Amino acid sequence: MLRIDYIKGKGRGVIAAKDIKKGAIIECSQVIVIPPDELMYIFKTVLINYIFSWGSNSSAIALGYGSLYNHSYHPNATYFTRIKDMCIEFQALENIQEGQEITIDYEWFPNGLCLRYP
């Protein structure tokens, strides 16, 4: 259903390998949870660009395609953290055509600051 491709100006991105209907679950990515006391080490690495907020005080790296979805202020997909199931579920907000990039809103402000990490 998915593939990775190079997106000009963005780097790698997730592409629909077949049509995806609005409301469909695109992927449920298992996660590796980063404990709060280890997050400071992640801030010094490239991994900081691939983490999600996890619960009230932790972060997580999504496996599978999860950490490779690019940001958009007008995304065609969204995500839900399923803490109990240790996964992040990605769902189509609209019909997504084969070959179209799948994007999510990372909750970034236009100035580059993230709502998750003040």
Protein backbone atom coordinates (compact mmCIF):
# COMPACT_ATOMS: atom_id res chain seq x y z
CA MET A 1 0.00 0.00 0.00
CA LEU A 2 2.98 2.32 0.64
CA ARG A 3 6.41 3.05 -0.76
CA ILE A 4 9.22 5.50 -0.04
CA ASP A 5 10.39 7.95 -2.68
CA TYR A 6 12.50 11.09 -2.91
CA ILE A 7 10.36 14.26 -2.71
CA LYS A 8 12.05 17.34 -4.17
CA GLY A 9 12.80 19.86 -1.43
CA LYS A 10 11.86 17.42 1.35
CA GLY A 11 13.99 14.30 1.05
CA ARG A 12 12.35 10.93 1.57
CA GLY A 13 8.59 10.72 1.84
CA VAL A 14 5.80 8.17 1.99
CA ILE A 15 3.87 7.63 -1.23
CA ALA A 16 0.60 5.77 -1.77
CA ALA A 17 1.34 2.66 -3.84
CA LYS A 18 -2.42 2.26 -4.46
CA ASP A 19 -5.53 4.38 -3.97
CA ILE A 20 -6.47 4.90 -0.31
CA LYS A 21 -10.01 5.83 0.68
CA LYS A 22 -10.86 8.60 3.13
CA GLY A 23 -11.04 7.17 6.66
CA ALA A 24 -8.88 4.14 5.86
CA ILE A 25 -6.16 3.13 8.31
CA ILE A 26 -2.95 3.60 6.36
CA GLU A 27 -0.58 2.07 8.89
CA CYS A 28 -0.23 1.23 12.56
CA SER A 29 3.45 1.81 13.36
CA GLN A 30 4.96 0.19 16.40
CA VAL A 31 7.11 2.58 18.45
CA ILE A 32 10.27 2.73 20.49
CA VAL A 33 9.58 4.92 23.52
CA ILE A 34 12.28 7.37 24.57
CA PRO A 35 12.19 7.93 28.34
CA PRO A 36 12.11 11.60 29.41
CA ASP A 37 15.58 11.43 30.97
CA GLU A 38 17.07 10.26 27.64
CA LEU A 39 15.42 12.85 25.38
CA MET A 40 18.24 15.37 25.86
CA TYR A 41 20.56 12.96 24.03
CA ILE A 42 18.14 12.68 21.08
CA PHE A 43 18.09 16.50 20.73
CA LYS A 44 21.77 16.29 19.74
CA THR A 45 21.13 13.83 16.91
CA VAL A 46 19.32 13.68 13.57
CA LEU A 47 16.65 11.56 15.28
CA ILE A 48 15.10 14.74 16.73
CA ASN A 49 13.47 15.20 13.29
CA TYR A 50 11.71 11.84 13.55
CA ILE A 51 10.15 11.72 17.01
CA PHE A 52 6.57 11.98 18.19
CA SER A 53 5.19 13.12 21.50
CA TRP A 54 4.26 10.06 23.55
CA GLY A 55 1.94 10.53 26.49
CA SER A 56 2.44 13.43 28.84
CA ASN A 57 6.22 13.40 29.20
CA SER A 58 7.83 10.92 26.81
CA SER A 59 8.68 10.73 23.13
CA ALA A 60 8.74 7.88 20.63
CA ILE A 61 10.24 6.92 17.31
CA ALA A 62 7.77 5.26 14.96
CA LEU A 63 8.94 2.16 13.13
CA GLY A 64 7.78 1.08 9.69
CA TYR A 65 7.00 4.15 7.59
CA GLY A 66 5.78 6.09 10.64
CA SER A 67 8.65 8.51 11.14
CA LEU A 68 9.01 9.20 7.39
CA TYR A 69 5.68 10.94 6.70
CA ASN A 70 6.42 14.55 5.76
CA HIS A 71 4.74 17.54 7.36
CA SER A 72 2.05 19.66 5.74
CA TYR A 73 -0.17 22.44 7.09
CA HIS A 74 -2.82 20.92 4.79
CA PRO A 75 -2.26 17.18 5.34
CA ASN A 76 -4.13 14.36 3.68
CA ALA A 77 -3.65 12.06 6.70
CA THR A 78 -3.61 12.31 10.47
CA TYR A 79 -2.28 10.19 13.30
CA PHE A 80 -3.35 8.97 16.71
CA THR A 81 -1.05 7.75 19.44
CA ARG A 82 -2.31 4.46 20.89
CA ILE A 83 -0.34 4.37 24.12
CA LYS A 84 -1.77 1.06 25.37
CA ASP A 85 -1.02 -0.65 22.04
CA MET A 86 2.45 0.96 21.72
CA CYS A 87 1.72 2.19 18.21
CA ILE A 88 0.85 5.26 16.16
CA GLU A 89 -2.11 4.85 13.83
CA PHE A 90 -2.14 6.82 10.57
CA GLN A 91 -5.50 7.47 8.92
CA ALA A 92 -6.50 9.07 5.60
CA LEU A 93 -8.30 12.42 5.97
CA GLU A 94 -9.30 12.37 2.31
CA ASN A 95 -9.08 10.07 -0.69
CA ILE A 96 -5.41 9.65 -1.57
CA GLN A 97 -4.51 8.64 -5.11
CA GLU A 98 -1.84 6.15 -6.10
CA GLY A 99 1.47 8.04 -6.48
CA GLN A 100 0.42 10.89 -4.15
CA GLU A 101 2.57 11.81 -1.16
CA ILE A 102 0.98 11.12 2.22
CA THR A 103 1.47 13.99 4.67
CA ILE A 104 0.58 14.70 8.28
CA ASP A 105 0.57 17.84 10.42
CA TYR A 106 3.47 17.73 12.90
CA GLU A 107 1.96 20.74 14.69
CA TRP A 108 4.83 23.01 13.69
CA PHE A 109 4.43 26.77 13.82
CA PRO A 110 5.49 28.63 10.65
CA ASN A 111 8.58 29.91 12.52
CA GLY A 112 9.84 26.33 12.90
CA LEU A 113 8.95 25.84 16.56
CA CYS A 114 6.98 22.75 17.44
CA LEU A 115 3.97 22.63 19.75
CA ARG A 116 5.33 19.41 21.21
CA TYR A 117 8.64 20.89 22.33
CA PRO A 118 8.49 24.52 23.49
